[in-house]
Amino acid sequence: MLYKTTNDLKECERIYKKGLKLFPSSGALHNDYGELLWGRADFGAIKEWEKGIETDPGYTGNYYNAAKFYYLTRDKTWSLVYGELFVAMESYSRRTDEIKGLLLESYKKLYTEADMMDKQDLKNPFVVAFLTVMNHQSSVAVNGITPESLTMIRSRFILEWFDKYAIRFPFHLFDYQRQLLKEGSFDAYNQWLFGSVQNLTAFQNWTNTHPEEYRLFTTMQHNRLFKLTTGQYYQTVSVKN
């Protein structure tokens, strides 16, 4: 931090590399080194953020930076997956609304192109499965991307995912979504996730007309710890240092 403050980036990078040799599984070090690289327009930053996600899945900063990185690319999977993982773990910080907005725009991006698979990583079986199931919900998106249409799209996604892919790709984020569906809180969750950034007045009207549903969701959200463990990393891009 001292070297960054004095803009001695060469020495700063040396210290990060030394630190990562000692602590190769430190999500914080991978995140900060990635930010240093990104600050000088080095796309190698994503390799650091990915390595941080893989080795230290409970550290939120790597999801935040990786989601923003992938949103600026042709990617249609990881900006959504990493963005929602970030919000699930860091639900009430100054960065949360920023990533909520990114998620909403990412869904619009997902459903605006005729071929959802175009220029995607089709060598990655998780990506293929994710986009295949999302593509099956395209008819719901015809009339626009709203909290209501996203609730339907994502509900259908979860039902199909657990019917076809959950055993092959166990994933805590989708377990969490299915649990919200079972508890009757998925609508409130999607309103909180998308409605609050798309149209604040409409969102407030929804909470006023569904007070008990929203109260149950927010109580659950404050009391339940969303925690990831290793072994559910499906990004196959090379992230070797």
Protein backbone atom coordinates (compact mmCIF):
# COMPACT_ATOMS: atom_id res chain seq x y z
CA MET A 1 0.00 0.00 0.00
CA LEU A 2 2.88 2.37 0.74
CA TYR A 3 4.46 1.71 -2.65
CA LYS A 4 1.10 2.29 -4.36
CA THR A 5 0.67 5.57 -2.50
CA THR A 6 4.08 6.77 -3.67
CA ASN A 7 3.35 5.48 -7.18
CA ASP A 8 6.36 3.16 -7.10
CA LEU A 9 4.52 0.55 -9.15
CA LYS A 10 7.59 -1.48 -10.08
CA GLU A 11 8.49 -2.10 -6.46
CA CYS A 12 4.83 -2.59 -5.61
CA GLU A 13 4.55 -5.37 -8.21
CA ARG A 14 7.71 -7.01 -6.88
CA ILE A 15 6.24 -7.12 -3.39
CA TYR A 16 2.92 -8.56 -4.65
CA LYS A 17 4.74 -11.32 -6.54
CA LYS A 18 6.82 -12.11 -3.48
CA GLY A 19 3.72 -12.15 -1.31
CA LEU A 20 1.89 -14.50 -3.68
CA LYS A 21 4.77 -16.96 -3.58
CA LEU A 22 4.38 -17.06 0.19
CA PHE A 23 0.56 -16.96 0.19
CA PRO A 24 -0.60 -18.36 -3.21
CA SER A 25 -4.17 -18.85 -1.98
CA SER A 26 -4.70 -15.33 -0.69
CA GLY A 27 -7.76 -13.84 -2.36
CA ALA A 28 -6.85 -10.39 -1.08
CA LEU A 29 -3.38 -10.48 -2.65
CA HIS A 30 -4.67 -11.76 -5.99
CA ASN A 31 -7.35 -9.07 -5.97
CA ASP A 32 -5.00 -6.21 -5.17
CA TYR A 33 -2.34 -7.36 -7.63
CA GLY A 34 -5.05 -7.63 -10.29
CA GLU A 35 -6.12 -4.06 -9.55
CA LEU A 36 -2.52 -2.92 -9.91
CA LEU A 37 -2.29 -4.61 -13.32
CA TRP A 38 -5.68 -3.28 -14.43
CA GLY A 39 -4.62 0.22 -13.45
CA ARG A 40 -2.02 0.10 -16.19
CA ALA A 41 -4.38 -1.56 -18.72
CA ASP A 42 -2.82 -5.02 -18.37
CA PHE A 43 -5.47 -7.62 -19.22
CA GLY A 44 -3.48 -10.15 -17.21
CA ALA A 45 -5.44 -8.74 -14.27
CA ILE A 46 -8.26 -11.20 -14.96
CA LYS A 47 -5.89 -14.12 -14.36
CA GLU A 48 -5.24 -12.80 -10.87
CA TRP A 49 -8.92 -12.31 -10.11
CA GLU A 50 -9.75 -15.77 -11.44
CA LYS A 51 -6.99 -17.35 -9.38
CA GLY A 52 -8.32 -15.54 -6.33
CA ILE A 53 -11.83 -16.88 -6.99
CA GLU A 54 -10.51 -20.40 -7.46
CA THR A 55 -8.26 -20.53 -4.39
CA ASP A 56 -10.13 -18.25 -1.97
CA PRO A 57 -13.82 -18.29 -2.98
CA GLY A 58 -14.97 -16.45 0.12
CA TYR A 59 -13.14 -13.22 -0.75
CA THR A 60 -15.58 -10.87 -2.50
CA GLY A 61 -13.23 -8.43 -4.23
CA ASN A 62 -12.24 -10.82 -6.99
CA TYR A 63 -15.89 -11.40 -7.97
CA TYR A 64 -16.48 -7.66 -8.06
CA ASN A 65 -13.55 -6.99 -10.38
CA ALA A 66 -14.04 -10.09 -12.54
CA ALA A 67 -17.74 -9.31 -13.11
CA LYS A 68 -16.88 -5.79 -14.24
CA PHE A 69 -14.10 -7.12 -16.49
CA TYR A 70 -16.29 -9.71 -18.21
CA TYR A 71 -19.11 -7.21 -18.68
CA LEU A 72 -16.79 -5.21 -20.93
CA THR A 73 -16.11 -8.28 -23.09
CA ARG A 74 -18.32 -10.46 -25.28
CA ASP A 75 -18.90 -12.78 -22.33
CA LYS A 76 -22.50 -13.67 -21.48
CA THR A 77 -21.91 -16.03 -18.56
CA TRP A 78 -19.33 -14.92 -16.05
CA SER A 79 -20.47 -11.32 -15.64
CA LEU A 80 -23.82 -12.78 -14.52
CA VAL A 81 -22.43 -15.58 -12.37
CA TYR A 82 -19.70 -13.58 -10.66
CA GLY A 83 -21.87 -10.50 -10.30
CA GLU A 84 -24.62 -12.37 -8.48
CA LEU A 85 -22.12 -14.26 -6.32
CA PHE A 86 -20.68 -10.91 -5.27
CA VAL A 87 -24.09 -9.48 -4.38
CA ALA A 88 -25.02 -12.64 -2.48
CA MET A 89 -21.92 -12.30 -0.31
CA GLU A 90 -21.75 -8.50 -0.09
CA SER A 91 -25.40 -7.50 -0.06
CA TYR A 92 -25.30 -4.07 1.57
CA SER A 93 -22.08 -2.28 0.69
CA ARG A 94 -21.46 0.81 -1.41
CA ARG A 95 -20.53 -1.51 -4.30
CA THR A 96 -23.73 -3.56 -4.21
CA ASP A 97 -25.97 -1.24 -6.24
CA GLU A 98 -23.25 -0.88 -8.86
CA ILE A 99 -23.17 -4.64 -9.44
CA LYS A 100 -26.96 -4.89 -9.31
CA GLY A 101 -27.04 -2.45 -12.23
CA LEU A 102 -24.39 -4.47 -14.03
CA LEU A 103 -26.47 -7.63 -13.58
CA LEU A 104 -29.56 -5.98 -15.01
CA GLU A 105 -27.63 -4.74 -18.04
CA SER A 106 -25.96 -8.14 -18.42
CA TYR A 107 -29.36 -9.82 -18.72
CA LYS A 108 -30.36 -7.29 -21.35
CA LYS A 109 -27.12 -8.04 -23.18
CA LEU A 110 -27.80 -11.77 -22.89
CA TYR A 111 -31.18 -11.56 -24.60
CA THR A 112 -30.52 -8.93 -27.28
CA GLU A 113 -28.47 -11.08 -29.66
CA ALA A 114 -30.16 -13.61 -31.89
CA ASP A 115 -27.50 -16.25 -31.25
CA MET A 116 -26.77 -16.46 -27.54
CA MET A 117 -23.89 -18.87 -28.20
CA ASP A 118 -22.09 -16.56 -30.61
CA LYS A 119 -18.43 -15.95 -29.67
CA GLN A 120 -18.76 -17.73 -26.32
CA ASP A 121 -16.41 -20.26 -24.74
CA LEU A 122 -18.11 -23.37 -26.10
CA LYS A 123 -15.20 -25.55 -24.97
CA ASN A 124 -16.36 -24.94 -21.40
CA PRO A 125 -19.20 -27.39 -20.57
CA PHE A 126 -20.50 -25.22 -17.73
CA VAL A 127 -20.83 -22.24 -20.07
CA VAL A 128 -22.62 -24.38 -22.67
CA ALA A 129 -25.03 -25.73 -20.06
CA PHE A 130 -25.69 -22.27 -18.58
CA LEU A 131 -26.37 -20.61 -21.94
CA THR A 132 -28.43 -23.53 -23.23
CA VAL A 133 -30.84 -23.30 -20.31
CA MET A 134 -30.93 -19.50 -20.48
CA ASN A 135 -31.65 -19.69 -24.19
CA HIS A 136 -34.69 -21.88 -23.52
CA GLN A 137 -36.24 -18.94 -21.65
CA SER A 138 -35.89 -16.49 -24.55
CA SER A 139 -39.61 -16.35 -25.22
CA VAL A 140 -40.15 -14.78 -21.78
CA ALA A 141 -37.73 -11.96 -22.64
CA VAL A 142 -39.55 -10.95 -25.82
CA ASN A 143 -41.55 -8.22 -24.06
CA GLY A 144 -38.55 -6.79 -22.25
CA ILE A 145 -36.28 -7.37 -19.28
CA THR A 146 -38.04 -6.38 -16.07
CA PRO A 147 -37.95 -7.70 -12.50
CA GLU A 148 -41.10 -9.64 -13.28
CA SER A 149 -39.79 -11.23 -16.49
CA LEU A 150 -36.45 -11.98 -14.82
CA THR A 151 -38.25 -13.71 -11.96
CA MET A 152 -39.96 -15.98 -14.50
CA ILE A 153 -36.80 -16.52 -16.57
CA ARG A 154 -34.71 -17.35 -13.54
CA SER A 155 -37.38 -19.56 -11.95
CA ARG A 156 -37.60 -21.62 -15.13
CA PHE A 157 -33.82 -21.69 -15.34
CA ILE A 158 -33.52 -23.19 -11.85
CA LEU A 159 -36.15 -25.84 -12.51
CA GLU A 160 -34.46 -26.95 -15.73
CA TRP A 161 -30.95 -26.71 -14.31
CA PHE A 162 -31.77 -29.02 -11.41
CA ASP A 163 -33.52 -31.40 -13.77
CA LYS A 164 -30.56 -31.67 -16.17
CA TYR A 165 -27.28 -30.29 -14.84
CA ALA A 166 -27.17 -29.94 -11.06
CA ILE A 167 -25.53 -33.32 -10.46
CA ARG A 168 -22.80 -32.62 -13.00
CA PHE A 169 -22.25 -29.03 -11.88
CA PRO A 170 -23.11 -28.58 -8.19
CA PHE A 171 -23.19 -24.85 -7.56
CA HIS A 172 -24.08 -23.07 -4.34
CA LEU A 173 -25.51 -19.99 -6.06
CA PHE A 174 -28.15 -22.09 -7.80
CA ASP A 175 -28.80 -24.01 -4.56
CA TYR A 176 -29.47 -20.65 -2.93
CA GLN A 177 -31.87 -19.60 -5.68
CA ARG A 178 -33.76 -22.89 -5.46
CA GLN A 179 -34.05 -22.51 -1.68
CA LEU A 180 -35.54 -19.04 -2.16
CA LEU A 181 -38.03 -20.53 -4.63
CA LYS A 182 -39.05 -23.20 -2.14
CA GLU A 183 -39.44 -20.63 0.63
CA GLY A 184 -41.56 -18.31 -1.51
CA SER A 185 -38.98 -15.51 -1.39
CA PHE A 186 -37.66 -15.63 -4.95
CA ASP A 187 -39.97 -12.89 -6.21
CA ALA A 188 -38.87 -10.58 -3.40
CA TYR A 189 -35.22 -11.46 -4.06
CA ASN A 190 -35.52 -10.52 -7.73
CA GLN A 191 -37.32 -7.31 -6.89
CA TRP A 192 -34.51 -6.41 -4.48
CA LEU A 193 -31.86 -7.44 -7.00
CA PHE A 194 -33.26 -5.77 -10.13
CA GLY A 195 -36.23 -3.58 -9.25
CA SER A 196 -34.28 -1.37 -6.87
CA VAL A 197 -31.91 -0.31 -9.68
CA GLN A 198 -34.30 -0.32 -12.63
CA ASN A 199 -37.08 1.80 -11.17
CA LEU A 200 -36.83 2.79 -7.50
CA THR A 201 -40.41 4.14 -7.35
CA ALA A 202 -41.86 0.92 -8.79
CA PHE A 203 -39.72 -1.10 -6.39
CA GLN A 204 -40.94 0.90 -3.39
CA ASN A 205 -44.53 0.44 -4.57
CA TRP A 206 -43.91 -3.31 -4.77
CA THR A 207 -42.53 -3.46 -1.24
CA ASN A 208 -45.52 -1.44 0.01
CA THR A 209 -47.98 -3.87 -1.57
CA HIS A 210 -46.02 -6.98 -0.51
CA PRO A 211 -44.79 -5.97 2.97
CA GLU A 212 -44.80 -9.43 4.59
CA GLU A 213 -43.13 -11.12 1.61
CA TYR A 214 -40.39 -8.50 1.55
CA ARG A 215 -39.94 -8.60 5.32
CA LEU A 216 -39.47 -12.36 5.28
CA PHE A 217 -36.86 -12.09 2.52
CA THR A 218 -34.83 -9.31 4.13
CA THR A 219 -34.94 -11.04 7.53
CA MET A 220 -33.66 -14.24 5.94
CA GLN A 221 -31.00 -12.35 4.01
CA HIS A 222 -29.65 -10.65 7.12
CA ASN A 223 -29.62 -13.87 9.13
CA ARG A 224 -28.29 -16.34 6.55
CA LEU A 225 -24.59 -16.39 5.71
CA PHE A 226 -23.89 -17.06 2.04
CA LYS A 227 -20.57 -18.89 2.07
CA LEU A 228 -18.72 -20.56 -0.79
CA THR A 229 -16.23 -23.38 -0.56
CA THR A 230 -13.61 -24.68 -2.95
CA GLY A 231 -14.48 -27.33 -5.51
CA GLN A 232 -17.16 -25.45 -7.46
CA TYR A 233 -14.93 -23.52 -9.82
CA TYR A 234 -15.94 -23.97 -13.47
CA GLN A 235 -14.04 -21.29 -15.34
CA THR A 236 -11.61 -23.13 -17.62
CA VAL A 237 -9.57 -20.13 -18.80
CA SER A 238 -5.88 -20.53 -18.02
CA VAL A 239 -5.09 -18.66 -14.82
CA LYS A 240 -1.59 -19.89 -14.16
CA ASN A 241 0.75 -17.21 -12.86
